[in-house]
Amino acid sequence: MSEQPLPIGPADIDAAARVIAPFAIRTPLLSFPVLNERVGAKVFLKPEMLQRTGSFKFRGAFNKVFSIPQDKRAGGVVAFSSGNHAQGVAAAAKILDMHATIVMPADAPLSKRERTKSYGADVVLYDRYNDDREAISRGIAEKRGATLVRPYDDPFVIAGQGTAGREIAEDMAALGLSPDIVVAPASGGGLIAGVATAVKARYPLAEIVVAEPEAFDDHGLSLTAGHREPHAPAGRTICDALMALIPGEMTFAINSKLLARGVTASDKEVGAAVSFAYHELKLVVEPGGAVGLAALLAGRLDVAGKNVVIVLSGGNVDADLFAELVA
């Protein structure tokens, strides 16, 4: 029996790059001597907090919303998200003159809720620990004739996120370097699935590593088990963007084939990475966006003498929490 084809390929990411190019920011690769010297490697950071809406999520959200046929756009879009996907979908809908309703956890950072509203979206709150956000979102979409924009298990979303990996591959090639290790965080796994697809297409020997909070290591567990595994249900973390219970079905179909392994970082280590990025690199990174950097600084990766790329996935952090972490 032949293997099932993967949900997306490099051509899908190339198509997404053409769609988002007029609207998204092409974020650079940044390298800092202070970081290179500390870990003994050539490290490149992909600062997606500089992306439109403050995270990589705009890439996939816009690619998906743009794909909706004109005769289906009147009903608008519905999404469920703790904040970054919410803002990406809301911004994409605003650009394309569509209505957006976003279902968000009541404990999502206030800054993320307010920014989502600022794009003109309606926000519906739910209890993260007791309510079914997807069921709520499906109900709203059916009532309004809207399109549900999933945060990761959608080929247009994964391909859009993959444009970050495409840029990494192109920029490393322009520097005349090959990435030995590429690290990105995961919640449902859309970002790293897209990044892995793009990077492995150009650099098949590159190791793609998923970084997760200690209590939310479902990707690492799943890679070890060879099938989708949830993390421990009682987990808590300051990485609010990385709190999915289990990898997505579509994303894990990709990640199980392309990822090398998983690494984790504790909340304390993540906080230290947020502080390091601010004080030493002058970058504002949210906890979920800093987990790859945290794993690097904590020595969870064998990087000596290697070329390493770390995706900093977003910078949407509440001011009070940020002040506490960088104090």
Protein backbone atom coordinates (compact mmCIF):
# COMPACT_ATOMS: atom_id res chain seq x y z
CA MET A 1 0.00 0.00 0.00
CA SER A 2 1.38 3.41 -0.97
CA GLU A 3 1.84 6.12 1.67
CA GLN A 4 -0.78 8.82 1.90
CA PRO A 5 0.48 12.15 0.52
CA LEU A 6 1.13 14.86 3.06
CA PRO A 7 -1.59 17.54 3.45
CA ILE A 8 0.60 20.25 1.91
CA GLY A 9 3.83 20.49 -0.07
CA PRO A 10 6.35 23.18 -1.03
CA ALA A 11 4.19 24.29 -4.00
CA ASP A 12 1.35 25.16 -1.61
CA ILE A 13 3.72 27.31 0.43
CA ASP A 14 4.98 29.02 -2.74
CA ALA A 15 1.35 29.82 -3.64
CA ALA A 16 0.69 31.15 -0.14
CA ALA A 17 3.79 33.35 -0.36
CA ARG A 18 2.37 34.97 -3.50
CA VAL A 19 -0.99 35.56 -1.80
CA ILE A 20 0.34 37.16 1.38
CA ALA A 21 3.25 39.11 -0.13
CA PRO A 22 1.36 42.40 -0.57
CA PHE A 23 0.03 42.29 3.00
CA ALA A 24 2.46 40.45 5.30
CA ILE A 25 5.85 41.57 6.54
CA ARG A 26 8.88 39.57 5.44
CA THR A 27 10.63 39.27 8.78
CA PRO A 28 14.45 39.13 8.77
CA LEU A 29 16.89 36.67 10.29
CA LEU A 30 18.74 38.31 13.17
CA SER A 31 22.05 37.19 14.65
CA PHE A 32 23.57 38.59 17.85
CA PRO A 33 27.19 38.10 19.02
CA VAL A 34 26.08 37.99 22.67
CA LEU A 35 23.83 35.00 21.97
CA ASN A 36 26.29 33.24 19.67
CA GLU A 37 29.06 33.52 22.25
CA ARG A 38 26.84 32.30 25.06
CA VAL A 39 25.80 29.05 23.34
CA GLY A 40 28.83 28.45 21.10
CA ALA A 41 26.89 28.41 17.85
CA LYS A 42 25.81 30.68 15.02
CA VAL A 43 22.22 31.44 15.98
CA PHE A 44 19.66 33.17 13.77
CA LEU A 45 16.39 34.39 15.23
CA LYS A 46 13.23 34.71 13.10
CA PRO A 47 11.38 37.57 14.85
CA GLU A 48 7.72 36.95 14.06
CA MET A 49 6.67 39.44 16.73
CA LEU A 50 7.52 42.00 14.00
CA GLN A 51 4.86 40.40 11.78
CA ARG A 52 1.53 42.11 11.22
CA THR A 53 -0.65 41.62 14.38
CA GLY A 54 2.47 40.71 16.35
CA SER A 55 2.77 37.02 15.49
CA PHE A 56 3.22 34.52 12.65
CA LYS A 57 -0.51 33.77 12.77
CA PHE A 58 -1.33 36.52 10.26
CA ARG A 59 0.36 34.49 7.54
CA GLY A 60 -1.91 31.45 7.73
CA ALA A 61 -5.01 33.43 8.63
CA PHE A 62 -4.74 35.68 5.59
CA ASN A 63 -3.98 32.81 3.23
CA LYS A 64 -7.08 30.96 4.47
CA VAL A 65 -9.47 33.93 4.49
CA PHE A 66 -8.28 34.98 1.02
CA SER A 67 -9.07 31.46 -0.24
CA ILE A 68 -12.79 31.81 0.61
CA PRO A 69 -14.75 32.23 -2.65
CA GLN A 70 -16.32 35.64 -3.21
CA ASP A 71 -19.84 34.23 -3.06
CA LYS A 72 -19.13 32.77 0.40
CA ARG A 73 -17.62 35.89 1.98
CA ALA A 74 -20.85 37.65 2.95
CA GLY A 75 -21.31 35.36 5.95
CA GLY A 76 -17.93 36.36 7.34
CA VAL A 77 -15.56 34.17 9.34
CA VAL A 78 -15.49 32.57 12.78
CA ALA A 79 -12.35 31.47 14.63
CA PHE A 80 -11.43 30.14 18.07
CA SER A 81 -8.15 31.24 19.61
CA SER A 82 -6.37 32.31 22.78
CA GLY A 83 -5.26 35.44 20.99
CA ASN A 84 -2.71 35.30 18.19
CA HIS A 85 -4.83 33.39 15.66
CA ALA A 86 -7.72 35.62 16.78
CA GLN A 87 -5.84 38.75 15.82
CA GLY A 88 -4.59 37.26 12.57
CA VAL A 89 -8.09 36.27 11.44
CA ALA A 90 -9.61 39.57 12.57
CA ALA A 91 -6.96 41.57 10.68
CA ALA A 92 -7.32 39.44 7.54
CA ALA A 93 -11.09 39.80 7.61
CA LYS A 94 -10.80 43.57 8.00
CA ILE A 95 -8.43 43.83 5.01
CA LEU A 96 -10.83 41.77 2.89
CA ASP A 97 -13.92 43.65 4.16
CA MET A 98 -15.45 40.64 5.92
CA HIS A 99 -17.06 40.31 9.34
CA ALA A 100 -15.20 38.28 11.98
CA THR A 101 -16.37 36.65 15.20
CA ILE A 102 -13.68 35.26 17.47
CA VAL A 103 -14.28 32.79 20.31
CA MET A 104 -11.64 33.43 22.98
CA PRO A 105 -10.96 32.01 26.47
CA ALA A 106 -12.09 34.33 29.24
CA ASP A 107 -8.57 34.17 30.74
CA ALA A 108 -6.79 35.15 27.52
CA PRO A 109 -4.47 38.12 28.03
CA LEU A 110 -6.47 41.34 28.04
CA SER A 111 -4.11 42.85 25.48
CA LYS A 112 -4.94 40.05 23.01
CA ARG A 113 -8.69 40.46 23.55
CA GLU A 114 -8.57 44.21 23.11
CA ARG A 115 -6.36 44.03 20.04
CA THR A 116 -8.73 41.52 18.47
CA LYS A 117 -11.63 43.90 19.03
CA SER A 118 -9.57 46.75 17.58
CA TYR A 119 -9.64 45.01 14.18
CA GLY A 120 -13.43 45.21 14.24
CA ALA A 121 -14.10 41.63 15.33
CA ASP A 122 -16.82 40.52 17.75
CA VAL A 123 -15.35 38.59 20.69
CA VAL A 124 -17.27 35.75 22.38
CA LEU A 125 -15.70 34.50 25.64
CA TYR A 126 -15.69 30.91 26.92
CA ASP A 127 -14.30 28.91 29.87
CA ARG A 128 -11.06 27.32 28.69
CA TYR A 129 -11.34 24.43 31.15
CA ASN A 130 -15.05 23.55 30.88
CA ASP A 131 -16.43 24.72 27.51
CA ASP A 132 -15.93 23.27 24.01
CA ARG A 133 -14.60 26.19 21.98
CA GLU A 134 -14.90 24.37 18.68
CA ALA A 135 -18.55 23.46 19.29
CA ILE A 136 -19.32 27.08 20.20
CA SER A 137 -17.56 28.30 17.05
CA ARG A 138 -19.31 25.76 14.79
CA GLY A 139 -22.67 26.83 16.20
CA ILE A 140 -21.99 30.48 15.44
CA ALA A 141 -20.71 29.67 11.94
CA GLU A 142 -23.78 27.57 11.11
CA LYS A 143 -26.15 30.25 12.40
CA ARG A 144 -24.49 33.03 10.40
CA GLY A 145 -23.46 31.10 7.29
CA ALA A 146 -19.85 31.94 8.13
CA THR A 147 -16.64 30.10 7.30
CA LEU A 148 -14.83 28.50 10.24
CA VAL A 149 -11.12 29.34 10.14
CA ARG A 150 -9.33 26.69 12.17
CA PRO A 151 -6.09 27.65 13.93
CA TYR A 152 -3.96 24.83 12.51
CA ASP A 153 -5.75 21.85 10.95
CA ASP A 154 -6.33 23.47 7.57
CA PRO A 155 -4.07 23.20 4.49
CA PHE A 156 -4.32 26.92 3.67
CA VAL A 157 -3.40 27.85 7.25
CA ILE A 158 -0.43 25.44 7.37
CA ALA A 159 0.80 26.64 3.97
CA GLY A 160 0.55 30.25 5.11
CA GLN A 161 2.58 29.53 8.24
CA GLY A 162 5.07 27.72 6.02
CA THR A 163 5.99 31.01 4.37
CA ALA A 164 8.05 31.74 7.50
CA GLY A 165 10.06 28.59 6.78
CA ARG A 166 10.35 29.52 3.12
CA GLU A 167 11.88 32.85 4.13
CA ILE A 168 14.27 31.10 6.52
CA ALA A 169 15.46 28.80 3.72
CA GLU A 170 15.87 31.65 1.25
CA ASP A 171 17.70 33.89 3.71
CA MET A 172 20.07 31.14 4.85
CA ALA A 173 20.84 30.37 1.21
CA ALA A 174 21.54 34.07 0.59
CA LEU A 175 24.06 33.94 3.45
CA GLY A 176 25.69 30.87 1.93
CA LEU A 177 24.80 28.79 5.00
CA SER A 178 22.86 25.59 5.64
CA PRO A 179 20.73 25.37 8.78
CA ASP A 180 21.72 22.41 10.95
CA ILE A 181 18.85 22.82 13.43
CA VAL A 182 15.60 24.77 13.08
CA VAL A 183 13.48 25.20 16.21
CA ALA A 184 9.89 26.43 16.41
CA PRO A 185 7.20 26.25 19.09
CA ALA A 186 3.94 24.36 18.71
CA SER A 187 0.42 24.51 20.04
CA GLY A 188 -1.62 22.65 17.44
CA GLY A 189 1.45 22.34 15.22
CA GLY A 190 0.60 24.46 12.17
CA LEU A 191 3.66 26.70 12.34
CA ILE A 192 6.23 23.95 12.70
CA ALA A 193 4.46 21.77 10.10
CA GLY A 194 4.70 24.59 7.57
CA VAL A 195 8.25 25.52 8.55
CA ALA A 196 9.37 21.89 8.37
CA THR A 197 7.81 21.44 4.92
CA ALA A 198 9.54 24.52 3.54
CA VAL A 199 12.94 24.01 5.17
CA LYS A 200 13.22 20.27 4.46
CA ALA A 201 12.37 20.88 0.80
CA ARG A 202 15.56 22.94 0.43
CA TYR A 203 17.68 21.48 3.24
CA PRO A 204 16.70 17.82 3.67
CA LEU A 205 19.43 17.22 6.26
CA ALA A 206 18.25 20.00 8.58
CA GLU A 207 16.90 18.81 11.93
CA ILE A 208 13.52 20.33 12.76
CA VAL A 209 12.88 20.46 16.51
CA VAL A 210 9.63 21.36 18.24
CA ALA A 211 9.84 23.39 21.45
CA GLU A 212 7.08 23.23 24.07
CA PRO A 213 6.38 24.22 27.69
CA GLU A 214 7.16 21.42 30.15
CA ALA A 215 3.52 20.79 31.04
CA PHE A 216 2.32 20.94 27.43
CA ASP A 217 4.70 18.57 25.67
CA ASP A 218 2.09 16.73 23.59
CA HIS A 219 4.18 16.97 20.41
CA GLY A 220 7.24 15.50 22.09
CA LEU A 221 5.14 12.72 23.61
CA SER A 222 3.47 12.06 20.26
CA LEU A 223 6.74 11.92 18.34
CA THR A 224 8.09 9.39 20.84
CA ALA A 225 4.91 7.30 20.75
CA GLY A 226 4.49 7.46 16.98
CA HIS A 227 0.90 8.60 17.27
CA ARG A 228 -1.01 11.59 18.69
CA GLU A 229 -0.79 11.75 22.48
CA PRO A 230 -2.27 14.40 24.80
CA HIS A 231 -0.22 16.03 27.53
CA ALA A 232 -1.14 15.68 31.21
CA PRO A 233 -4.54 17.35 31.69
CA ALA A 234 -3.59 19.32 34.79
CA GLY A 235 -0.88 21.36 33.10
CA ARG A 236 -0.52 25.11 33.60
CA THR A 237 1.93 27.48 31.90
CA ILE A 238 2.63 31.15 31.29
CA CYS A 239 2.86 30.23 27.58
CA ASP A 240 -0.83 30.94 26.91
CA ALA A 241 -0.32 30.62 23.15
CA LEU A 242 0.84 26.98 23.47
CA MET A 243 -1.95 25.31 25.43
CA ALA A 244 -3.50 22.89 22.90
CA LEU A 245 -4.25 19.51 24.48
CA ILE A 246 -3.10 17.33 21.59
CA PRO A 247 -1.41 17.85 18.19
CA GLY A 248 -3.73 18.43 15.25
CA GLU A 249 -4.51 15.47 13.01
CA MET A 250 -3.42 17.18 9.81
CA THR A 251 -0.39 18.83 11.37
CA PHE A 252 0.82 15.62 13.01
CA ALA A 253 0.57 13.79 9.70
CA ILE A 254 3.30 16.21 8.57
CA ASN A 255 5.23 16.57 11.80
CA SER A 256 5.48 12.83 12.44
CA LYS A 257 7.36 12.54 9.12
CA LEU A 258 9.53 15.67 9.22
CA LEU A 259 10.37 16.48 12.85
CA ALA A 260 13.47 15.10 14.55
CA ARG A 261 12.41 15.44 18.18
CA GLY A 262 10.90 17.66 20.83
CA VAL A 263 12.44 19.78 23.61
CA THR A 264 10.82 21.53 26.55
CA ALA A 265 11.43 24.50 28.81
CA SER A 266 10.01 25.28 32.25
CA ASP A 267 8.10 28.48 32.94
CA LYS A 268 11.11 29.74 34.87
CA GLU A 269 13.35 29.10 31.86
CA VAL A 270 10.84 30.74 29.53
CA GLY A 271 10.71 33.79 31.78
CA ALA A 272 14.51 33.97 31.74
CA ALA A 273 14.47 33.82 27.93
CA VAL A 274 11.90 36.63 27.72
CA SER A 275 14.15 38.68 30.01
CA PHE A 276 17.30 37.82 28.02
CA ALA A 277 15.63 38.80 24.75
CA TYR A 278 14.58 42.14 26.22
CA HIS A 279 17.74 43.10 28.08
CA GLU A 280 20.39 41.66 25.76
CA LEU A 281 18.74 41.66 22.33
CA LYS A 282 16.21 44.50 22.77
CA LEU A 283 13.37 42.26 21.57
CA VAL A 284 9.90 41.94 23.08
CA VAL A 285 8.84 38.29 22.94
CA GLU A 286 5.77 36.72 24.56
CA PRO A 287 6.34 33.59 26.67
CA GLY A 288 4.96 31.19 24.05
CA GLY A 289 7.13 32.84 21.42
CA ALA A 290 10.26 32.44 23.54
CA VAL A 291 10.09 28.73 24.38
CA GLY A 292 12.57 27.76 21.63
CA LEU A 293 15.04 30.37 22.83
CA ALA A 294 14.45 29.15 26.39
CA ALA A 295 15.32 25.57 25.42
CA LEU A 296 18.47 26.83 23.70
CA LEU A 297 19.61 28.91 26.68
CA ALA A 298 18.82 26.05 29.06
CA GLY A 299 21.15 23.71 27.15
CA ARG A 300 18.44 21.39 25.82
CA LEU A 301 19.92 21.45 22.31
CA ASP A 302 23.31 20.18 21.12
CA VAL A 303 24.29 23.24 19.10
CA ALA A 304 28.07 23.59 19.49
CA GLY A 305 29.57 24.81 16.23
CA LYS A 306 26.27 24.53 14.35
CA ASN A 307 24.00 26.91 12.42
CA VAL A 308 20.78 27.20 14.42
CA VAL A 309 17.54 28.99 13.55
CA ILE A 310 15.03 29.76 16.30
CA VAL A 311 11.55 31.04 15.46
CA LEU A 312 10.34 33.67 17.93
CA SER A 313 6.69 33.21 17.12
CA GLY A 314 5.07 36.29 18.66
CA GLY A 315 5.25 39.29 20.95
CA ASN A 316 1.71 39.78 22.23
CA VAL A 317 2.27 39.78 25.98
CA ASP A 318 0.36 41.59 28.72
CA ALA A 319 2.29 44.57 30.04
CA ASP A 320 1.99 43.45 33.68
CA LEU A 321 3.33 39.95 32.99
CA PHE A 322 6.10 41.32 30.80
CA ALA A 323 7.15 43.79 33.50
CA GLU A 324 7.27 40.94 36.02
CA LEU A 325 9.40 38.74 33.77
CA VAL A 326 11.95 41.40 32.80
CA ALA A 327 12.28 42.99 36.23
